[in-house]
C-alpha atoms as a PDB file:
ATOM      1  CA  MET A   1     -47.799 146.704 155.538  1.00  0.00           C
ATOM      2  CA  SER A   2     -51.471 147.403 156.145  1.00  0.00           C
ATOM      3  CA  PHE A   3     -53.804 147.238 153.125  1.00  0.00           C
ATOM      4  CA  ASP A   4     -56.046 150.202 152.307  1.00  0.00           C
ATOM      5  CA  PRO A   5     -58.822 149.371 149.756  1.00  0.00           C
ATOM      6  CA  THR A   6     -59.027 153.038 148.783  1.00  0.00           C
ATOM      7  CA  SER A   7     -55.495 152.731 147.339  1.00  0.00           C
ATOM      8  CA  LEU A   8     -56.996 150.785 144.434  1.00  0.00           C
ATOM      9  CA  LYS A   9     -57.829 152.530 141.155  1.00  0.00           C
ATOM     10  CA  PHE A  10     -61.595 152.396 140.795  1.00  0.00           C
ATOM     11  CA  ASN A  11     -63.431 153.474 137.645  1.00  0.00           C
ATOM     12  CA  ALA A  12     -65.713 156.523 137.441  1.00  0.00           C
ATOM     13  CA  ASP A  13     -68.514 154.477 139.055  1.00  0.00           C
ATOM     14  CA  GLY A  14     -66.265 153.583 142.009  1.00  0.00           C
ATOM     15  CA  LEU A  15     -65.877 149.971 140.840  1.00  0.00           C
ATOM     16  CA  LEU A  16     -63.149 147.644 139.645  1.00  0.00           C
ATOM     17  CA  PRO A  17     -63.373 144.248 137.922  1.00  0.00           C
ATOM     18  CA  VAL A  18     -62.806 141.112 139.960  1.00  0.00           C
ATOM     19  CA  ILE A  19     -61.869 137.772 138.442  1.00  0.00           C
ATOM     20  CA  ALA A  20     -62.795 134.730 140.531  1.00  0.00           C
ATOM     21  CA  GLN A  21     -60.570 131.675 140.091  1.00  0.00           C
ATOM     22  CA  ASP A  22     -60.781 128.270 141.753  1.00  0.00           C
ATOM     23  CA  HIS A  23     -57.726 128.074 144.002  1.00  0.00           C
ATOM     24  CA  ARG A  24     -57.237 124.339 143.394  1.00  0.00           C
ATOM     25  CA  THR A  25     -57.885 123.884 139.661  1.00  0.00           C
ATOM     26  CA  LYS A  26     -56.977 127.465 138.606  1.00  0.00           C
ATOM     27  CA  GLU A  27     -60.165 127.478 136.468  1.00  0.00           C
ATOM     28  CA  VAL A  28     -61.472 130.995 135.825  1.00  0.00           C
ATOM     29  CA  LEU A  29     -64.989 130.989 137.251  1.00  0.00           C
ATOM     30  CA  MET A  30     -66.469 134.428 136.703  1.00  0.00           C
ATOM     31  CA  LEU A  31     -65.976 138.166 136.510  1.00  0.00           C
ATOM     32  CA  ALA A  32     -67.858 140.616 138.725  1.00  0.00           C
ATOM     33  CA  TRP A  33     -67.359 144.047 140.313  1.00  0.00           C
ATOM     34  CA  MET A  34     -66.371 145.426 143.704  1.00  0.00           C
ATOM     35  CA  ASN A  35     -66.269 148.845 145.281  1.00  0.00           C
ATOM     36  CA  ALA A  36     -63.969 149.708 148.204  1.00  0.00           C
ATOM     37  CA  ASP A  37     -66.538 148.566 150.780  1.00  0.00           C
ATOM     38  CA  ALA A  38     -67.038 145.218 149.025  1.00  0.00           C
ATOM     39  CA  VAL A  39     -63.272 144.661 149.086  1.00  0.00           C
ATOM     40  CA  ALA A  40     -63.199 145.422 152.815  1.00  0.00           C
ATOM     41  CA  LYS A  41     -66.236 143.181 153.505  1.00  0.00           C
ATOM     42  CA  THR A  42     -64.616 140.331 151.559  1.00  0.00           C
ATOM     43  CA  LEU A  43     -61.390 140.616 153.549  1.00  0.00           C
ATOM     44  CA  ASP A  44     -63.206 140.966 156.883  1.00  0.00           C
ATOM     45  CA  ALA A  45     -65.671 138.079 156.442  1.00  0.00           C
ATOM     46  CA  GLY A  46     -63.686 135.734 154.202  1.00  0.00           C
ATOM     47  CA  ARG A  47     -66.758 135.347 151.970  1.00  0.00           C
ATOM     48  CA  VAL A  48     -66.527 137.041 148.594  1.00  0.00           C
ATOM     49  CA  THR A  49     -68.787 140.081 148.428  1.00  0.00           C
ATOM     50  CA  TYR A  50     -69.437 141.821 145.125  1.00  0.00           C
ATOM     51  CA  TRP A  51     -71.290 144.980 144.111  1.00  0.00           C
ATOM     52  CA  SER A  52     -74.274 144.197 141.915  1.00  0.00           C
ATOM     53  CA  ARG A  53     -74.546 146.886 139.255  1.00  0.00           C
ATOM     54  CA  SER A  54     -78.071 145.806 138.284  1.00  0.00           C
ATOM     55  CA  ARG A  55     -79.433 145.762 141.849  1.00  0.00           C
ATOM     56  CA  GLN A  56     -77.188 148.562 143.136  1.00  0.00           C
ATOM     57  CA  SER A  57     -76.470 146.551 146.281  1.00  0.00           C
ATOM     58  CA  TYR A  58     -73.936 144.209 147.843  1.00  0.00           C
ATOM     59  CA  TRP A  59     -74.080 140.594 146.799  1.00  0.00           C
ATOM     60  CA  ILE A  60     -72.444 137.921 148.937  1.00  0.00           C
ATOM     61  CA  LYS A  61     -71.789 135.089 146.518  1.00  0.00           C
ATOM     62  CA  GLY A  62     -73.992 132.134 147.398  1.00  0.00           C
ATOM     63  CA  GLU A  63     -76.139 133.948 149.941  1.00  0.00           C
ATOM     64  CA  SER A  64     -79.345 132.826 148.237  1.00  0.00           C
ATOM     65  CA  SER A  65     -78.137 129.895 146.083  1.00  0.00           C
ATOM     66  CA  GLY A  66     -75.764 128.227 148.541  1.00  0.00           C
ATOM     67  CA  HIS A  67     -73.064 128.295 145.827  1.00  0.00           C
ATOM     68  CA  THR A  68     -70.551 130.120 147.982  1.00  0.00           C
ATOM     69  CA  GLN A  69     -67.074 131.469 147.433  1.00  0.00           C
ATOM     70  CA  LYS A  70     -64.777 131.291 150.433  1.00  0.00           C
ATOM     71  CA  LEU A  71     -61.825 133.628 150.037  1.00  0.00           C
ATOM     72  CA  VAL A  72     -58.436 131.917 149.918  1.00  0.00           C
ATOM     73  CA  ASP A  73     -56.353 134.806 148.572  1.00  0.00           C
ATOM     74  CA  LEU A  74     -56.980 138.286 147.170  1.00  0.00           C
ATOM     75  CA  ARG A  75     -54.455 139.552 144.649  1.00  0.00           C
ATOM     76  CA  ILE A  76     -54.085 142.976 143.076  1.00  0.00           C
ATOM     77  CA  ASP A  77     -52.750 143.492 139.567  1.00  0.00           C
ATOM     78  CA  CYS A  78     -49.762 145.709 138.802  1.00  0.00           C
ATOM     79  CA  ASP A  79     -51.898 148.712 137.809  1.00  0.00           C
ATOM     80  CA  ARG A  80     -54.048 148.324 140.959  1.00  0.00           C
ATOM     81  CA  ASP A  81     -57.205 148.443 138.823  1.00  0.00           C
ATOM     82  CA  CYS A  82     -58.216 144.761 138.854  1.00  0.00           C
ATOM     83  CA  ILE A  83     -58.497 142.072 141.529  1.00  0.00           C
ATOM     84  CA  LEU A  84     -58.060 138.322 141.338  1.00  0.00           C
ATOM     85  CA  VAL A  85     -59.785 136.363 144.087  1.00  0.00           C
ATOM     86  CA  LEU A  86     -58.698 132.786 144.567  1.00  0.00           C
ATOM     87  CA  VAL A  87     -61.689 130.998 146.044  1.00  0.00           C
ATOM     88  CA  ASP A  88     -62.907 127.733 147.456  1.00  0.00           C
ATOM     89  CA  GLN A  89     -66.036 127.411 145.305  1.00  0.00           C
ATOM     90  CA  THR A  90     -69.004 125.389 146.571  1.00  0.00           C
ATOM     91  CA  GLY A  91     -71.396 124.450 143.764  1.00  0.00           C
ATOM     92  CA  PRO A  92     -71.552 126.096 140.358  1.00  0.00           C
ATOM     93  CA  ALA A  93     -70.190 129.632 140.076  1.00  0.00           C
ATOM     94  CA  CYS A  94     -72.510 130.777 137.277  1.00  0.00           C
ATOM     95  CA  HIS A  95     -76.114 131.846 137.783  1.00  0.00           C
ATOM     96  CA  THR A  96     -76.961 129.568 134.810  1.00  0.00           C
ATOM     97  CA  ASN A  97     -76.027 126.613 137.054  1.00  0.00           C
ATOM     98  CA  ARG A  98     -72.798 125.938 135.175  1.00  0.00           C
ATOM     99  CA  GLU A  99     -69.409 125.439 136.821  1.00  0.00           C
ATOM    100  CA  ASN A 100     -68.174 128.740 135.387  1.00  0.00           C
ATOM    101  CA  CYS A 101     -69.518 131.696 133.420  1.00  0.00           C
ATOM    102  CA  PHE A 102     -67.217 131.119 130.442  1.00  0.00           C
ATOM    103  CA  TYR A 103     -69.168 128.295 128.794  1.00  0.00           C
ATOM    104  CA  THR A 104     -69.499 129.829 125.319  1.00  0.00           C
ATOM    105  CA  SER A 105     -66.724 129.692 122.742  1.00  0.00           C
ATOM    106  CA  VAL A 106     -66.416 131.316 119.336  1.00  0.00           C
ATOM    107  CA  ILE A 107     -64.576 128.955 117.014  1.00  0.00           C
ATOM    108  CA  THR A 108     -64.063 129.831 113.330  1.00  0.00           C
ATOM    109  CA  GLY A 109     -66.909 132.334 113.533  1.00  0.00           C
ATOM    110  CA  ASP A 110     -69.394 129.949 115.163  1.00  0.00           C
ATOM    111  CA  GLU A 111     -70.621 130.301 118.716  1.00  0.00           C
ATOM    112  CA  VAL A 112     -70.453 126.980 120.545  1.00  0.00           C
ATOM    113  CA  ILE A 113     -71.895 126.082 123.966  1.00  0.00           C
ATOM    114  CA  LEU A 114     -69.160 124.123 125.744  1.00  0.00           C
ATOM    115  CA  THR A 115     -71.046 122.952 128.825  1.00  0.00           C
ATOM    116  CA  GLU A 116     -74.658 122.471 129.804  1.00  0.00           C
ATOM    117  CA  PRO A 117     -76.144 123.450 133.167  1.00  0.00           C
ATOM    118  CA  LEU A 118     -75.599 120.974 135.995  1.00  0.00           C
ATOM    119  CA  ALA A 119     -78.581 118.823 136.845  1.00  0.00           C
END
Protein backbone atom coordinates (compact mmCIF):
# COMPACT_ATOMS: atom_id res chain seq x y z
CA MET A 1 0.00 0.00 0.00
CA SER A 2 1.42 3.36 -1.02
CA PHE A 3 1.76 6.01 1.71
CA ASP A 4 0.20 9.44 1.21
CA PRO A 5 1.44 12.08 3.74
CA THR A 6 -1.74 14.08 3.22
CA SER A 7 -3.68 11.21 4.85
CA LEU A 8 -2.26 12.34 8.20
CA LYS A 9 -4.30 14.58 10.51
CA PHE A 10 -2.45 17.88 10.70
CA ASN A 11 -3.41 20.67 13.10
CA ALA A 12 -4.83 24.03 12.00
CA ASP A 13 -1.29 25.20 11.15
CA GLY A 14 -0.74 22.18 8.89
CA LEU A 15 1.64 20.53 11.37
CA LEU A 16 1.82 17.42 13.51
CA PRO A 17 4.15 16.52 16.39
CA VAL A 18 7.06 14.19 15.74
CA ILE A 19 8.84 12.27 18.48
CA ALA A 20 12.42 11.26 17.67
CA GLN A 21 13.68 8.09 19.37
CA ASP A 22 17.07 6.41 19.13
CA HIS A 23 16.43 3.15 17.29
CA ARG A 24 19.04 1.23 19.31
CA THR A 25 18.56 2.45 22.89
CA LYS A 26 14.87 3.47 22.53
CA GLU A 27 15.76 6.74 24.34
CA VAL A 28 13.34 9.56 23.51
CA LEU A 29 15.52 12.29 22.02
CA MET A 30 13.28 15.21 21.13
CA LEU A 31 9.94 16.45 19.90
CA ALA A 32 9.56 18.65 16.82
CA TRP A 33 7.02 19.35 14.06
CA MET A 34 6.47 18.31 10.45
CA ASN A 35 4.13 19.36 7.69
CA ALA A 36 3.21 17.06 4.78
CA ASP A 37 6.21 18.20 2.72
CA ALA A 38 8.63 17.58 5.60
CA VAL A 39 7.25 14.05 5.95
CA ALA A 40 7.76 13.46 2.22
CA LYS A 41 11.29 14.96 2.29
CA THR A 42 12.20 12.75 5.26
CA LEU A 43 11.01 9.62 3.48
CA ASP A 44 12.66 10.58 0.18
CA ALA A 45 16.08 11.56 1.57
CA GLY A 46 16.31 9.33 4.64
CA ARG A 47 17.44 12.34 6.69
CA VAL A 48 14.89 13.66 9.16
CA THR A 49 13.48 16.99 8.03
CA TYR A 50 11.35 19.08 10.37
CA TRP A 51 9.38 22.30 10.00
CA SER A 52 10.79 25.06 12.17
CA ARG A 53 7.91 27.08 13.58
CA SER A 54 10.22 29.90 14.71
CA ARG A 55 12.04 30.25 11.37
CA GLN A 56 9.06 29.22 9.22
CA SER A 57 11.32 26.99 7.13
CA TYR A 58 12.47 23.41 6.72
CA TRP A 59 15.15 22.19 9.07
CA ILE A 60 17.19 19.11 8.21
CA LYS A 61 18.42 17.86 11.56
CA GLY A 62 22.18 18.28 11.77
CA GLU A 63 22.55 20.36 8.62
CA SER A 64 24.51 23.05 10.46
CA SER A 65 25.62 21.21 13.63
CA GLY A 66 26.58 17.85 12.13
CA HIS A 67 24.35 16.16 14.74
CA THR A 68 22.31 14.28 12.18
CA GLN A 69 19.33 11.97 12.34
CA LYS A 70 19.28 9.20 9.76
CA LEU A 71 15.81 7.75 9.38
CA VAL A 72 15.50 4.08 10.32
CA ASP A 73 11.71 3.84 10.56
CA LEU A 74 8.75 6.23 10.48
CA ARG A 75 5.69 5.17 12.45
CA ILE A 76 2.23 6.70 12.60
CA ASP A 77 0.06 6.58 15.70
CA CYS A 78 -3.45 5.12 15.71
CA ASP A 79 -5.15 8.52 15.36
CA ARG A 80 -2.80 9.50 12.50
CA ASP A 81 -2.01 12.79 14.26
CA CYS A 82 1.49 12.05 15.60
CA ILE A 83 4.65 10.50 14.15
CA LEU A 84 7.43 8.53 15.79
CA VAL A 85 10.73 8.54 13.92
CA LEU A 86 13.25 5.92 14.91
CA VAL A 87 16.64 7.40 14.08
CA ASP A 88 20.33 6.71 13.97
CA GLN A 89 21.46 9.78 15.92
CA THR A 90 24.95 11.19 15.38
CA GLY A 91 26.02 13.50 18.20
CA PRO A 92 23.69 15.14 20.70
CA ALA A 93 20.06 15.57 19.67
CA CYS A 94 19.40 18.73 21.70
CA HIS A 95 20.45 22.22 20.64
CA THR A 96 21.80 22.64 24.21
CA ASN A 97 24.44 20.02 23.32
CA ARG A 98 22.82 17.35 25.48
CA GLU A 99 22.07 13.81 24.33
CA ASN A 100 18.33 14.51 24.44
CA CYS A 101 15.98 17.42 25.05
CA PHE A 102 14.39 15.85 28.13
CA TYR A 103 17.13 16.69 30.64
CA THR A 104 14.96 18.45 33.24
CA SER A 105 12.90 16.57 35.81
CA VAL A 106 10.37 17.80 38.34
CA ILE A 107 10.66 15.70 41.48
CA THR A 108 8.55 16.48 44.56
CA GLY A 109 7.97 20.01 43.27
CA ASP A 110 11.64 20.75 42.56
CA GLU A 111 13.07 21.15 39.08
CA VAL A 112 16.25 19.13 38.68
CA ILE A 113 18.76 19.21 35.80
CA LEU A 114 19.56 15.57 35.06
CA THR A 115 22.40 15.98 32.57
CA GLU A 116 24.87 18.69 31.67
CA PRO A 117 25.86 19.64 28.12
CA LEU A 118 28.49 17.43 26.49
CA ALA A 119 31.97 18.89 26.38
